All heavy atoms as atom14 arrays in JSON, in Angstrom:
{
  "sequence": "TPEAYRAEIERLHDFFVAWFTGNTDRDEFGRVEDVLGPDFEL",
  "atom14_mask": [
    [1, 1, 1, 1, 1, 1, 1, 0, 0, 0, 0, 0, 0, 0],
    [1, 1, 1, 1, 1, 1, 1, 0, 0, 0, 0, 0, 0, 0],
    [1, 1, 1, 1, 1, 1, 1, 1, 1, 0, 0, 0, 0, 0],
    [1, 1, 1, 1, 1, 0, 0, 0, 0, 0, 0, 0, 0, 0],
    [1, 1, 1, 1, 1, 1, 1, 1, 1, 1, 1, 1, 0, 0],
    [1, 1, 1, 1, 1, 1, 1, 1, 1, 1, 1, 0, 0, 0],
    [1, 1, 1, 1, 1, 0, 0, 0, 0, 0, 0, 0, 0, 0],
    [1, 1, 1, 1, 1, 1, 1, 1, 1, 0, 0, 0, 0, 0],
    [1, 1, 1, 1, 1, 1, 1, 1, 0, 0, 0, 0, 0, 0],
    [1, 1, 1, 1, 1, 1, 1, 1, 1, 0, 0, 0, 0, 0],
    [1, 1, 1, 1, 1, 1, 1, 1, 1, 1, 1, 0, 0, 0],
    [1, 1, 1, 1, 1, 1, 1, 1, 0, 0, 0, 0, 0, 0],
    [1, 1, 1, 1, 1, 1, 1, 1, 1, 1, 0, 0, 0, 0],
    [1, 1, 1, 1, 1, 1, 1, 1, 0, 0, 0, 0, 0, 0],
    [1, 1, 1, 1, 1, 1, 1, 1, 1, 1, 1, 0, 0, 0],
    [1, 1, 1, 1, 1, 1, 1, 1, 1, 1, 1, 0, 0, 0],
    [1, 1, 1, 1, 1, 1, 1, 0, 0, 0, 0, 0, 0, 0],
    [1, 1, 1, 1, 1, 0, 0, 0, 0, 0, 0, 0, 0, 0],
    [1, 1, 1, 1, 1, 1, 1, 1, 1, 1, 1, 1, 1, 1],
    [1, 1, 1, 1, 1, 1, 1, 1, 1, 1, 1, 0, 0, 0],
    [1, 1, 1, 1, 1, 1, 1, 0, 0, 0, 0, 0, 0, 0],
    [1, 1, 1, 1, 0, 0, 0, 0, 0, 0, 0, 0, 0, 0],
    [1, 1, 1, 1, 1, 1, 1, 1, 0, 0, 0, 0, 0, 0],
    [1, 1, 1, 1, 1, 1, 1, 0, 0, 0, 0, 0, 0, 0],
    [1, 1, 1, 1, 1, 1, 1, 1, 0, 0, 0, 0, 0, 0],
    [1, 1, 1, 1, 1, 1, 1, 1, 1, 1, 1, 0, 0, 0],
    [1, 1, 1, 1, 1, 1, 1, 1, 0, 0, 0, 0, 0, 0],
    [1, 1, 1, 1, 1, 1, 1, 1, 1, 0, 0, 0, 0, 0],
    [1, 1, 1, 1, 1, 1, 1, 1, 1, 1, 1, 0, 0, 0],
    [1, 1, 1, 1, 0, 0, 0, 0, 0, 0, 0, 0, 0, 0],
    [1, 1, 1, 1, 1, 1, 1, 1, 1, 1, 1, 0, 0, 0],
    [1, 1, 1, 1, 1, 1, 1, 0, 0, 0, 0, 0, 0, 0],
    [1, 1, 1, 1, 1, 1, 1, 1, 1, 0, 0, 0, 0, 0],
    [1, 1, 1, 1, 1, 1, 1, 1, 0, 0, 0, 0, 0, 0],
    [1, 1, 1, 1, 1, 1, 1, 0, 0, 0, 0, 0, 0, 0],
    [1, 1, 1, 1, 1, 1, 1, 1, 0, 0, 0, 0, 0, 0],
    [1, 1, 1, 1, 0, 0, 0, 0, 0, 0, 0, 0, 0, 0],
    [1, 1, 1, 1, 1, 1, 1, 0, 0, 0, 0, 0, 0, 0],
    [1, 1, 1, 1, 1, 1, 1, 1, 0, 0, 0, 0, 0, 0],
    [1, 1, 1, 1, 1, 1, 1, 1, 1, 1, 1, 0, 0, 0],
    [1, 1, 1, 1, 1, 1, 1, 1, 1, 0, 0, 0, 0, 0],
    [1, 1, 1, 1, 1, 1, 1, 1, 0, 0, 0, 0, 0, 0]
  ],
  "atom14_positions": [
    [[94.08, 97.72, 58.31], [93.37, 98.34, 59.43], [94.39, 98.58, 60.54], [95.47, 97.96, 60.55], [92.27, 97.41, 59.96], [92.89, 96.23, 60.49], [91.26, 97.05, 58.89], [0.0, 0.0, 0.0], [0.0, 0.0, 0.0], [0.0, 0.0, 0.0], [0.0, 0.0, 0.0], [0.0, 0.0, 0.0], [0.0, 0.0, 0.0], [0.0, 0.0, 0.0]],
    [[94.07, 99.44, 61.48], [94.99, 99.61, 62.61], [95.29, 98.29, 63.32], [96.41, 98.04, 63.74], [94.24, 100.58, 63.52], [93.38, 101.37, 62.6], [92.95, 100.38, 61.53], [0.0, 0.0, 0.0], [0.0, 0.0, 0.0], [0.0, 0.0, 0.0], [0.0, 0.0, 0.0], [0.0, 0.0, 0.0], [0.0, 0.0, 0.0], [0.0, 0.0, 0.0]],
    [[94.29, 97.42, 63.41], [94.49, 96.13, 64.05], [95.48, 95.26, 63.26], [96.29, 94.56, 63.85], [93.16, 95.39, 64.21], [92.2, 96.07, 65.17], [91.43, 97.26, 64.54], [91.41, 97.4, 63.31], [90.88, 98.05, 65.32], [0.0, 0.0, 0.0], [0.0, 0.0, 0.0], [0.0, 0.0, 0.0], [0.0, 0.0, 0.0], [0.0, 0.0, 0.0]],
    [[95.38, 95.31, 61.94], [96.3, 94.53, 61.11], [97.73, 95.05, 61.25], [98.68, 94.26, 61.33], [95.87, 94.59, 59.65], [0.0, 0.0, 0.0], [0.0, 0.0, 0.0], [0.0, 0.0, 0.0], [0.0, 0.0, 0.0], [0.0, 0.0, 0.0], [0.0, 0.0, 0.0], [0.0, 0.0, 0.0], [0.0, 0.0, 0.0], [0.0, 0.0, 0.0]],
    [[97.89, 96.38, 61.3], [99.23, 96.95, 61.5], [99.78, 96.53, 62.85], [100.94, 96.15, 62.98], [99.19, 98.47, 61.41], [98.96, 99.0, 60.01], [97.94, 99.9, 59.77], [99.77, 98.61, 58.95], [97.72, 100.4, 58.49], [99.56, 99.11, 57.68], [98.54, 100.0, 57.45], [98.33, 100.5, 56.2], [0.0, 0.0, 0.0], [0.0, 0.0, 0.0]],
    [[98.95, 96.62, 63.86], [99.39, 96.26, 65.21], [99.81, 94.79, 65.27], [100.84, 94.44, 65.85], [98.28, 96.53, 66.23], [98.68, 96.19, 67.64], [97.52, 96.4, 68.61], [97.93, 96.05, 69.93], [98.24, 96.91, 70.88], [98.16, 98.2, 70.64], [98.62, 96.5, 72.06], [0.0, 0.0, 0.0], [0.0, 0.0, 0.0], [0.0, 0.0, 0.0]],
    [[99.01, 93.91, 64.67], [99.33, 92.48, 64.68], [100.65, 92.22, 63.98], [101.46, 91.42, 64.45], [98.2, 91.69, 64.02], [0.0, 0.0, 0.0], [0.0, 0.0, 0.0], [0.0, 0.0, 0.0], [0.0, 0.0, 0.0], [0.0, 0.0, 0.0], [0.0, 0.0, 0.0], [0.0, 0.0, 0.0], [0.0, 0.0, 0.0], [0.0, 0.0, 0.0]],
    [[100.9, 92.89, 62.86], [102.16, 92.71, 62.14], [103.34, 93.2, 62.97], [104.37, 92.54, 63.05], [102.13, 93.44, 60.8], [103.41, 93.34, 60.01], [103.78, 91.92, 59.61], [102.94, 91.01, 59.67], [104.96, 91.72, 59.23], [0.0, 0.0, 0.0], [0.0, 0.0, 0.0], [0.0, 0.0, 0.0], [0.0, 0.0, 0.0], [0.0, 0.0, 0.0]],
    [[103.18, 94.34, 63.6], [104.26, 94.87, 64.46], [104.55, 93.9, 65.6], [105.71, 93.62, 65.91], [103.89, 96.26, 64.99], [103.92, 97.27, 63.84], [104.81, 96.7, 66.13], [103.27, 98.59, 64.15], [0.0, 0.0, 0.0], [0.0, 0.0, 0.0], [0.0, 0.0, 0.0], [0.0, 0.0, 0.0], [0.0, 0.0, 0.0], [0.0, 0.0, 0.0]],
    [[103.5, 93.35, 66.2], [103.7, 92.4, 67.3], [104.38, 91.13, 66.82], [105.25, 90.58, 67.51], [102.38, 92.12, 67.99], [101.88, 93.3, 68.78], [100.51, 93.11, 69.39], [99.84, 92.09, 69.11], [100.1, 94.0, 70.17], [0.0, 0.0, 0.0], [0.0, 0.0, 0.0], [0.0, 0.0, 0.0], [0.0, 0.0, 0.0], [0.0, 0.0, 0.0]],
    [[104.01, 90.63, 65.64], [104.66, 89.43, 65.1], [106.14, 89.7, 64.83], [107.0, 88.87, 65.13], [103.96, 88.96, 63.82], [102.67, 88.21, 64.08], [102.13, 87.55, 62.82], [101.81, 88.51, 61.77], [100.62, 89.1, 61.62], [99.64, 88.82, 62.46], [100.4, 89.94, 60.64], [0.0, 0.0, 0.0], [0.0, 0.0, 0.0], [0.0, 0.0, 0.0]],
    [[106.43, 90.86, 64.26], [107.84, 91.2, 64.0], [108.61, 91.37, 65.3], [109.76, 90.93, 65.41], [107.93, 92.48, 63.16], [107.66, 92.3, 61.69], [107.63, 93.65, 60.98], [108.71, 91.41, 61.05], [0.0, 0.0, 0.0], [0.0, 0.0, 0.0], [0.0, 0.0, 0.0], [0.0, 0.0, 0.0], [0.0, 0.0, 0.0], [0.0, 0.0, 0.0]],
    [[107.99, 91.99, 66.29], [108.65, 92.13, 67.58], [108.98, 90.76, 68.16], [110.1, 90.53, 68.64], [107.76, 92.92, 68.55], [108.38, 93.07, 69.9], [108.12, 92.19, 70.92], [109.26, 93.98, 70.38], [108.81, 92.55, 71.98], [109.5, 93.63, 71.68], [0.0, 0.0, 0.0], [0.0, 0.0, 0.0], [0.0, 0.0, 0.0], [0.0, 0.0, 0.0]],
    [[108.03, 89.86, 68.13], [108.27, 88.5, 68.63], [109.41, 87.83, 67.88], [110.25, 87.15, 68.47], [107.0, 87.65, 68.53], [105.91, 88.1, 69.49], [106.2, 88.88, 70.43], [104.75, 87.7, 69.28], [0.0, 0.0, 0.0], [0.0, 0.0, 0.0], [0.0, 0.0, 0.0], [0.0, 0.0, 0.0], [0.0, 0.0, 0.0], [0.0, 0.0, 0.0]],
    [[109.46, 88.02, 66.55], [110.55, 87.45, 65.77], [111.88, 88.03, 66.22], [112.85, 87.3, 66.43], [110.37, 87.71, 64.27], [111.62, 87.38, 63.51], [111.91, 86.08, 63.16], [112.55, 88.37, 63.21], [113.1, 85.76, 62.51], [113.73, 88.07, 62.57], [114.0, 86.76, 62.22], [0.0, 0.0, 0.0], [0.0, 0.0, 0.0], [0.0, 0.0, 0.0]],
    [[111.96, 89.36, 66.35], [113.23, 89.99, 66.73], [113.68, 89.55, 68.12], [114.87, 89.33, 68.34], [113.14, 91.51, 66.63], [113.3, 92.02, 65.22], [112.25, 92.66, 64.59], [114.49, 91.85, 64.53], [112.38, 93.12, 63.29], [114.64, 92.31, 63.23], [113.58, 92.95, 62.61], [0.0, 0.0, 0.0], [0.0, 0.0, 0.0], [0.0, 0.0, 0.0]],
    [[112.76, 89.39, 69.05], [113.13, 88.89, 70.37], [113.74, 87.5, 70.24], [114.8, 87.21, 70.8], [111.91, 88.88, 71.33], [112.22, 88.1, 72.6], [111.49, 90.3, 71.66], [0.0, 0.0, 0.0], [0.0, 0.0, 0.0], [0.0, 0.0, 0.0], [0.0, 0.0, 0.0], [0.0, 0.0, 0.0], [0.0, 0.0, 0.0], [0.0, 0.0, 0.0]],
    [[113.1, 86.63, 69.47], [113.62, 85.28, 69.27], [114.99, 85.31, 68.59], [115.9, 84.57, 68.95], [112.63, 84.45, 68.46], [0.0, 0.0, 0.0], [0.0, 0.0, 0.0], [0.0, 0.0, 0.0], [0.0, 0.0, 0.0], [0.0, 0.0, 0.0], [0.0, 0.0, 0.0], [0.0, 0.0, 0.0], [0.0, 0.0, 0.0], [0.0, 0.0, 0.0]],
    [[115.14, 86.19, 67.6], [116.41, 86.29, 66.87], [117.53, 86.77, 67.79], [118.6, 86.18, 67.86], [116.23, 87.23, 65.68], [117.47, 87.5, 64.89], [118.42, 86.6, 64.49], [117.9, 88.76, 64.36], [119.39, 87.22, 63.75], [119.1, 88.54, 63.66], [117.36, 90.05, 64.43], [119.78, 89.57, 63.02], [118.04, 91.07, 63.77], [119.24, 90.82, 63.08]],
    [[117.28, 87.85, 68.53], [118.31, 88.41, 69.39], [118.67, 87.49, 70.55], [119.77, 87.6, 71.09], [117.89, 89.78, 69.92], [117.9, 90.86, 68.88], [116.85, 91.77, 68.82], [118.91, 90.98, 67.95], [116.84, 92.77, 67.87], [118.91, 91.98, 66.99], [117.88, 92.87, 66.95], [0.0, 0.0, 0.0], [0.0, 0.0, 0.0], [0.0, 0.0, 0.0]],
    [[117.78, 86.62, 70.94], [118.07, 85.7, 72.03], [118.54, 84.33, 71.53], [118.73, 83.42, 72.31], [116.85, 85.52, 72.94], [115.75, 85.04, 72.18], [116.49, 86.82, 73.63], [0.0, 0.0, 0.0], [0.0, 0.0, 0.0], [0.0, 0.0, 0.0], [0.0, 0.0, 0.0], [0.0, 0.0, 0.0], [0.0, 0.0, 0.0], [0.0, 0.0, 0.0]],
    [[118.71, 84.2, 70.21], [119.22, 82.96, 69.65], [118.2, 81.84, 69.59], [118.57, 80.67, 69.56], [0.0, 0.0, 0.0], [0.0, 0.0, 0.0], [0.0, 0.0, 0.0], [0.0, 0.0, 0.0], [0.0, 0.0, 0.0], [0.0, 0.0, 0.0], [0.0, 0.0, 0.0], [0.0, 0.0, 0.0], [0.0, 0.0, 0.0], [0.0, 0.0, 0.0]],
    [[116.92, 82.17, 69.57], [115.87, 81.16, 69.58], [115.08, 81.09, 68.28], [113.88, 80.82, 68.29], [114.91, 81.43, 70.75], [115.59, 81.24, 72.07], [116.26, 80.25, 72.3], [115.45, 82.21, 72.96], [0.0, 0.0, 0.0], [0.0, 0.0, 0.0], [0.0, 0.0, 0.0], [0.0, 0.0, 0.0], [0.0, 0.0, 0.0], [0.0, 0.0, 0.0]],
    [[115.75, 81.33, 67.16], [115.08, 81.24, 65.87], [116.02, 80.6, 64.85], [117.24, 80.63, 65.02], [114.6, 82.62, 65.39], [113.78, 82.46, 64.24], [115.75, 83.53, 65.03], [0.0, 0.0, 0.0], [0.0, 0.0, 0.0], [0.0, 0.0, 0.0], [0.0, 0.0, 0.0], [0.0, 0.0, 0.0], [0.0, 0.0, 0.0], [0.0, 0.0, 0.0]],
    [[115.46, 80.0, 63.84], [116.25, 79.37, 62.79], [116.45, 80.35, 61.64], [115.63, 81.24, 61.4], [115.53, 78.13, 62.25], [115.41, 77.05, 63.3], [116.35, 76.91, 64.12], [114.37, 76.37, 63.31], [0.0, 0.0, 0.0], [0.0, 0.0, 0.0], [0.0, 0.0, 0.0], [0.0, 0.0, 0.0], [0.0, 0.0, 0.0], [0.0, 0.0, 0.0]],
    [[117.53, 80.16, 60.9], [117.84, 81.03, 59.76], [116.72, 81.02, 58.73], [116.43, 82.05, 58.13], [119.16, 80.57, 59.11], [119.53, 81.29, 57.85], [119.96, 82.71, 58.13], [120.29, 83.37, 56.87], [120.06, 84.63, 56.62], [119.55, 85.4, 57.53], [120.36, 85.14, 55.46], [0.0, 0.0, 0.0], [0.0, 0.0, 0.0], [0.0, 0.0, 0.0]],
    [[116.05, 79.89, 58.53], [114.99, 79.83, 57.53], [113.79, 80.7, 57.89], [113.01, 81.08, 57.03], [114.54, 78.39, 57.27], [114.0, 77.68, 58.5], [114.33, 78.09, 59.62], [113.26, 76.72, 58.31], [0.0, 0.0, 0.0], [0.0, 0.0, 0.0], [0.0, 0.0, 0.0], [0.0, 0.0, 0.0], [0.0, 0.0, 0.0], [0.0, 0.0, 0.0]],
    [[113.65, 81.07, 59.14], [112.57, 81.97, 59.56], [112.86, 83.42, 59.18], [111.97, 84.26, 59.2], [112.34, 81.87, 61.06], [111.82, 80.52, 61.52], [111.66, 80.45, 63.02], [111.11, 81.41, 63.6], [112.1, 79.45, 63.61], [0.0, 0.0, 0.0], [0.0, 0.0, 0.0], [0.0, 0.0, 0.0], [0.0, 0.0, 0.0], [0.0, 0.0, 0.0]],
    [[114.11, 83.71, 58.85], [114.51, 85.08, 58.58], [113.98, 85.6, 57.25], [113.88, 86.8, 57.04], [116.03, 85.21, 58.62], [116.5, 86.57, 59.0], [116.5, 86.96, 60.32], [116.92, 87.46, 58.04], [116.91, 88.23, 60.68], [117.34, 88.74, 58.39], [117.34, 89.11, 59.71], [0.0, 0.0, 0.0], [0.0, 0.0, 0.0], [0.0, 0.0, 0.0]],
    [[113.58, 84.72, 56.34], [113.05, 85.13, 55.05], [111.85, 86.06, 55.18], [111.67, 86.97, 54.37], [0.0, 0.0, 0.0], [0.0, 0.0, 0.0], [0.0, 0.0, 0.0], [0.0, 0.0, 0.0], [0.0, 0.0, 0.0], [0.0, 0.0, 0.0], [0.0, 0.0, 0.0], [0.0, 0.0, 0.0], [0.0, 0.0, 0.0], [0.0, 0.0, 0.0]],
    [[111.07, 85.86, 56.19], [109.9, 86.72, 56.41], [110.32, 88.17, 56.63], [109.67, 89.1, 56.17], [109.14, 86.21, 57.63], [107.89, 86.97, 57.91], [107.15, 86.32, 59.08], [106.0, 87.11, 59.39], [106.05, 88.29, 60.04], [107.19, 88.76, 60.44], [104.96, 88.96, 60.28], [0.0, 0.0, 0.0], [0.0, 0.0, 0.0], [0.0, 0.0, 0.0]],
    [[111.42, 88.36, 57.35], [111.9, 89.71, 57.61], [112.33, 90.4, 56.33], [112.09, 91.58, 56.13], [113.05, 89.68, 58.64], [113.67, 91.05, 58.83], [112.55, 89.14, 59.97], [0.0, 0.0, 0.0], [0.0, 0.0, 0.0], [0.0, 0.0, 0.0], [0.0, 0.0, 0.0], [0.0, 0.0, 0.0], [0.0, 0.0, 0.0], [0.0, 0.0, 0.0]],
    [[112.95, 89.64, 55.43], [113.35, 90.22, 54.14], [112.14, 90.81, 53.41], [112.27, 91.82, 52.73], [114.0, 89.15, 53.27], [115.35, 88.71, 53.78], [116.0, 87.7, 52.86], [116.38, 88.1, 51.74], [116.11, 86.54, 53.27], [0.0, 0.0, 0.0], [0.0, 0.0, 0.0], [0.0, 0.0, 0.0], [0.0, 0.0, 0.0], [0.0, 0.0, 0.0]],
    [[111.0, 90.18, 53.56], [109.79, 90.64, 52.87], [109.22, 91.93, 53.45], [108.56, 92.68, 52.74], [108.69, 89.57, 52.94], [109.06, 88.31, 52.17], [109.92, 88.39, 51.28], [108.48, 87.26, 52.49], [0.0, 0.0, 0.0], [0.0, 0.0, 0.0], [0.0, 0.0, 0.0], [0.0, 0.0, 0.0], [0.0, 0.0, 0.0], [0.0, 0.0, 0.0]],
    [[109.49, 92.22, 54.71], [108.84, 93.37, 55.34], [109.75, 94.57, 55.59], [109.26, 95.66, 55.83], [108.13, 92.98, 56.66], [107.03, 91.96, 56.4], [109.12, 92.49, 57.69], [0.0, 0.0, 0.0], [0.0, 0.0, 0.0], [0.0, 0.0, 0.0], [0.0, 0.0, 0.0], [0.0, 0.0, 0.0], [0.0, 0.0, 0.0], [0.0, 0.0, 0.0]],
    [[111.07, 94.36, 55.52], [111.97, 95.5, 55.75], [112.05, 96.36, 54.5], [112.34, 95.87, 53.42], [113.38, 95.02, 56.11], [113.54, 94.26, 57.41], [115.0, 93.93, 57.64], [112.96, 95.01, 58.59], [0.0, 0.0, 0.0], [0.0, 0.0, 0.0], [0.0, 0.0, 0.0], [0.0, 0.0, 0.0], [0.0, 0.0, 0.0], [0.0, 0.0, 0.0]],
    [[111.8, 97.63, 54.66], [111.88, 98.57, 53.54], [113.3, 98.75, 53.06], [114.27, 98.43, 53.77], [0.0, 0.0, 0.0], [0.0, 0.0, 0.0], [0.0, 0.0, 0.0], [0.0, 0.0, 0.0], [0.0, 0.0, 0.0], [0.0, 0.0, 0.0], [0.0, 0.0, 0.0], [0.0, 0.0, 0.0], [0.0, 0.0, 0.0], [0.0, 0.0, 0.0]],
    [[113.48, 99.25, 51.85], [114.82, 99.4, 51.27], [115.72, 100.35, 52.07], [116.93, 100.21, 52.05], [114.56, 99.93, 49.87], [113.17, 100.43, 49.87], [112.43, 99.7, 50.95], [0.0, 0.0, 0.0], [0.0, 0.0, 0.0], [0.0, 0.0, 0.0], [0.0, 0.0, 0.0], [0.0, 0.0, 0.0], [0.0, 0.0, 0.0], [0.0, 0.0, 0.0]],
    [[115.15, 101.27, 52.81], [115.94, 102.22, 53.6], [116.04, 101.83, 55.07], [116.5, 102.63, 55.89], [115.34, 103.63, 53.49], [115.4, 104.17, 52.08], [116.33, 103.82, 51.33], [114.5, 104.95, 51.7], [0.0, 0.0, 0.0], [0.0, 0.0, 0.0], [0.0, 0.0, 0.0], [0.0, 0.0, 0.0], [0.0, 0.0, 0.0], [0.0, 0.0, 0.0]],
    [[115.65, 100.6, 55.4], [115.68, 100.14, 56.78], [117.09, 100.23, 57.35], [118.08, 99.92, 56.68], [115.2, 98.69, 56.87], [115.34, 98.1, 58.24], [114.36, 98.3, 59.19], [116.45, 97.35, 58.58], [114.49, 97.77, 60.48], [116.59, 96.81, 59.85], [115.61, 97.02, 60.8], [0.0, 0.0, 0.0], [0.0, 0.0, 0.0], [0.0, 0.0, 0.0]],
    [[117.19, 100.67, 58.6], [118.44, 100.64, 59.34], [118.15, 100.12, 60.74], [117.13, 100.45, 61.34], [119.04, 102.04, 59.49], [119.63, 102.6, 58.24], [120.3, 103.94, 58.51], [119.76, 104.74, 59.31], [121.36, 104.17, 57.94], [0.0, 0.0, 0.0], [0.0, 0.0, 0.0], [0.0, 0.0, 0.0], [0.0, 0.0, 0.0], [0.0, 0.0, 0.0]],
    [[119.07, 99.31, 61.23], [119.01, 98.82, 62.6], [120.0, 99.65, 63.4], [121.16, 99.77, 63.01], [119.39, 97.34, 62.66], [119.49, 96.72, 64.05], [118.09, 96.55, 64.65], [120.2, 95.4, 63.99], [0.0, 0.0, 0.0], [0.0, 0.0, 0.0], [0.0, 0.0, 0.0], [0.0, 0.0, 0.0], [0.0, 0.0, 0.0], [0.0, 0.0, 0.0]]
  ]
}
């Protein structure tokens, strides 16, 4: 649903903020591997 997409985007945004500011553990990064598409670019 649009709400589910929005919630996922917000969770990923929160993760990236924590990652870029050094406030996340490496073991939390596995979740990102599951959601990044094969053609993802940063």
